[in-house]
Amino acid sequence: MGNLTVVVQQLRKERERAQREVQRIDVALTALGSLSVNGSKRGRHSMSAAARRKISLAQKARWAKQKAKPARTMSAAARRRIAAAQRLRWAKVKAQQKKVVS
């Protein structure tokens, strides 16, 4: 029985030593966990609501400017000229086809 009490005392001492080691590791992890890789503190960069709104409005203005480019439209006279030129081209094609068939 005396031998068993010595073993129990040694196990308790080992447990206490292991607990102290775990506490040291926890302290080290806490210290390192609050730092990022480059050594600066971690944390989110906060931005005020006014700054976010200002950025949002600026981006919306950029999108609106890009979408506001007018579609190119042709005048009726320009369309008539293009149609007349196309009719002339087709007339030439048809005339050559008649020559080939004849």
C-alpha atoms as a PDB file:
ATOM      1  CA  MET A   1       0.000   0.000   0.000  1.00  0.00           C
ATOM      2  CA  GLY A   2       2.839   2.388   0.768  1.00  0.00           C
ATOM      3  CA  ASN A   3       4.114   1.903  -2.754  1.00  0.00           C
ATOM      4  CA  LEU A   4       0.728   2.867  -4.160  1.00  0.00           C
ATOM      5  CA  THR A   5       0.603   6.171  -2.237  1.00  0.00           C
ATOM      6  CA  VAL A   6       4.028   7.126  -3.632  1.00  0.00           C
ATOM      7  CA  VAL A   7       2.787   6.479  -7.169  1.00  0.00           C
ATOM      8  CA  VAL A   8      -0.348   8.581  -6.538  1.00  0.00           C
ATOM      9  CA  GLN A   9       1.782  11.456  -5.164  1.00  0.00           C
ATOM     10  CA  GLN A  10       4.063  11.317  -8.214  1.00  0.00           C
ATOM     11  CA  LEU A  11       1.049  11.350 -10.548  1.00  0.00           C
ATOM     12  CA  ARG A  12      -0.387  14.386  -8.747  1.00  0.00           C
ATOM     13  CA  LYS A  13       2.947  16.229  -9.047  1.00  0.00           C
ATOM     14  CA  GLU A  14       3.078  15.334 -12.759  1.00  0.00           C
ATOM     15  CA  ARG A  15      -0.491  16.585 -13.223  1.00  0.00           C
ATOM     16  CA  GLU A  16       0.336  19.908 -11.519  1.00  0.00           C
ATOM     17  CA  ARG A  17       3.453  20.299 -13.684  1.00  0.00           C
ATOM     18  CA  ALA A  18       1.406  19.572 -16.821  1.00  0.00           C
ATOM     19  CA  GLN A  19      -1.232  22.124 -15.757  1.00  0.00           C
ATOM     20  CA  ARG A  20       1.445  24.804 -15.266  1.00  0.00           C
ATOM     21  CA  GLU A  21       2.856  23.990 -18.724  1.00  0.00           C
ATOM     22  CA  VAL A  22      -0.607  24.239 -20.286  1.00  0.00           C
ATOM     23  CA  GLN A  23      -1.114  27.614 -18.590  1.00  0.00           C
ATOM     24  CA  ARG A  24       2.203  28.863 -20.026  1.00  0.00           C
ATOM     25  CA  ILE A  25       1.184  27.676 -23.484  1.00  0.00           C
ATOM     26  CA  ASP A  26      -2.197  29.405 -23.125  1.00  0.00           C
ATOM     27  CA  VAL A  27      -0.493  32.673 -22.174  1.00  0.00           C
ATOM     28  CA  ALA A  28       1.825  32.400 -25.175  1.00  0.00           C
ATOM     29  CA  LEU A  29      -1.071  31.642 -27.526  1.00  0.00           C
ATOM     30  CA  THR A  30      -3.031  34.586 -26.182  1.00  0.00           C
ATOM     31  CA  ALA A  31      -0.090  36.912 -26.717  1.00  0.00           C
ATOM     32  CA  LEU A  32       0.618  35.608 -30.211  1.00  0.00           C
ATOM     33  CA  GLY A  33      -3.029  35.317 -31.150  1.00  0.00           C
ATOM     34  CA  SER A  34      -3.580  39.044 -30.742  1.00  0.00           C
ATOM     35  CA  LEU A  35      -0.839  39.769 -33.282  1.00  0.00           C
ATOM     36  CA  SER A  36      -0.895  39.084 -36.983  1.00  0.00           C
ATOM     37  CA  VAL A  37       1.990  37.640 -38.976  1.00  0.00           C
ATOM     38  CA  ASN A  38       3.780  40.960 -39.439  1.00  0.00           C
ATOM     39  CA  GLY A  39       3.516  41.817 -35.750  1.00  0.00           C
ATOM     40  CA  SER A  40       0.776  44.405 -35.920  1.00  0.00           C
ATOM     41  CA  LYS A  41      -2.388  44.063 -33.900  1.00  0.00           C
ATOM     42  CA  ARG A  42      -5.286  42.332 -35.535  1.00  0.00           C
ATOM     43  CA  GLY A  43      -8.575  44.055 -35.891  1.00  0.00           C
ATOM     44  CA  ARG A  44     -11.062  45.309 -38.355  1.00  0.00           C
ATOM     45  CA  HIS A  45     -10.585  48.726 -39.823  1.00  0.00           C
ATOM     46  CA  SER A  46     -13.691  50.643 -38.953  1.00  0.00           C
ATOM     47  CA  MET A  47     -15.129  53.252 -41.216  1.00  0.00           C
ATOM     48  CA  SER A  48     -17.699  55.807 -40.229  1.00  0.00           C
ATOM     49  CA  ALA A  49     -21.169  55.648 -41.707  1.00  0.00           C
ATOM     50  CA  ALA A  50     -20.596  59.020 -43.364  1.00  0.00           C
ATOM     51  CA  ALA A  51     -17.435  57.752 -45.084  1.00  0.00           C
ATOM     52  CA  ARG A  52     -19.204  54.604 -46.291  1.00  0.00           C
ATOM     53  CA  ARG A  53     -22.064  56.726 -47.635  1.00  0.00           C
ATOM     54  CA  LYS A  54     -19.652  59.067 -49.407  1.00  0.00           C
ATOM     55  CA  ILE A  55     -17.861  56.128 -51.086  1.00  0.00           C
ATOM     56  CA  SER A  56     -21.197  54.547 -52.022  1.00  0.00           C
ATOM     57  CA  LEU A  57     -22.468  57.743 -53.629  1.00  0.00           C
ATOM     58  CA  ALA A  58     -19.215  58.230 -55.535  1.00  0.00           C
ATOM     59  CA  GLN A  59     -19.396  54.682 -56.908  1.00  0.00           C
ATOM     60  CA  LYS A  60     -23.041  55.108 -57.894  1.00  0.00           C
ATOM     61  CA  ALA A  61     -22.095  58.314 -59.714  1.00  0.00           C
ATOM     62  CA  ARG A  62     -19.361  56.435 -61.628  1.00  0.00           C
ATOM     63  CA  TRP A  63     -21.845  53.722 -62.635  1.00  0.00           C
ATOM     64  CA  ALA A  64     -24.415  56.308 -63.714  1.00  0.00           C
ATOM     65  CA  LYS A  65     -21.821  58.145 -65.786  1.00  0.00           C
ATOM     66  CA  GLN A  66     -20.837  54.929 -67.533  1.00  0.00           C
ATOM     67  CA  LYS A  67     -24.455  53.975 -68.254  1.00  0.00           C
ATOM     68  CA  ALA A  68     -25.362  57.487 -69.409  1.00  0.00           C
ATOM     69  CA  LYS A  69     -23.352  57.292 -72.629  1.00  0.00           C
ATOM     70  CA  PRO A  70     -25.923  57.981 -75.355  1.00  0.00           C
ATOM     71  CA  ALA A  71     -26.739  55.302 -77.886  1.00  0.00           C
ATOM     72  CA  ARG A  72     -25.671  56.276 -81.361  1.00  0.00           C
ATOM     73  CA  THR A  73     -28.653  57.076 -83.528  1.00  0.00           C
ATOM     74  CA  MET A  74     -28.809  57.807 -87.218  1.00  0.00           C
ATOM     75  CA  SER A  75     -30.842  60.530 -88.800  1.00  0.00           C
ATOM     76  CA  ALA A  76     -33.583  59.581 -91.239  1.00  0.00           C
ATOM     77  CA  ALA A  77     -31.604  61.137 -94.097  1.00  0.00           C
ATOM     78  CA  ALA A  78     -28.542  59.020 -93.264  1.00  0.00           C
ATOM     79  CA  ARG A  79     -30.705  55.876 -93.211  1.00  0.00           C
ATOM     80  CA  ARG A  80     -32.175  56.789 -96.624  1.00  0.00           C
ATOM     81  CA  ARG A  81     -28.680  57.279 -98.092  1.00  0.00           C
ATOM     82  CA  ILE A  82     -27.504  53.918 -96.732  1.00  0.00           C
ATOM     83  CA  ALA A  83     -30.627  52.159 -98.037  1.00  0.00           C
ATOM     84  CA  ALA A  84     -30.178  53.718-101.482  1.00  0.00           C
ATOM     85  CA  ALA A  85     -26.517  52.652-101.608  1.00  0.00           C
ATOM     86  CA  GLN A  86     -27.497  49.107-100.602  1.00  0.00           C
ATOM     87  CA  ARG A  87     -30.171  48.986-103.324  1.00  0.00           C
ATOM     88  CA  LEU A  88     -27.507  50.004-105.871  1.00  0.00           C
ATOM     89  CA  ARG A  89     -25.163  47.234-104.633  1.00  0.00           C
ATOM     90  CA  TRP A  90     -27.914  44.625-104.897  1.00  0.00           C
ATOM     91  CA  ALA A  91     -28.836  45.887-108.367  1.00  0.00           C
ATOM     92  CA  LYS A  92     -25.224  45.343-109.485  1.00  0.00           C
ATOM     93  CA  VAL A  93     -25.178  41.832-107.996  1.00  0.00           C
ATOM     94  CA  LYS A  94     -28.434  40.911-109.748  1.00  0.00           C
ATOM     95  CA  ALA A  95     -27.193  42.365-113.057  1.00  0.00           C
ATOM     96  CA  GLN A  96     -24.035  40.226-112.875  1.00  0.00           C
ATOM     97  CA  GLN A  97     -26.097  37.142-112.075  1.00  0.00           C
ATOM     98  CA  LYS A  98     -28.238  37.736-115.181  1.00  0.00           C
ATOM     99  CA  LYS A  99     -25.071  38.011-117.317  1.00  0.00           C
ATOM    100  CA  VAL A 100     -23.745  34.729-115.929  1.00  0.00           C
ATOM    101  CA  VAL A 101     -27.057  32.882-116.519  1.00  0.00           C
ATOM    102  CA  SER A 102     -27.528  34.247-120.048  1.00  0.00           C
END
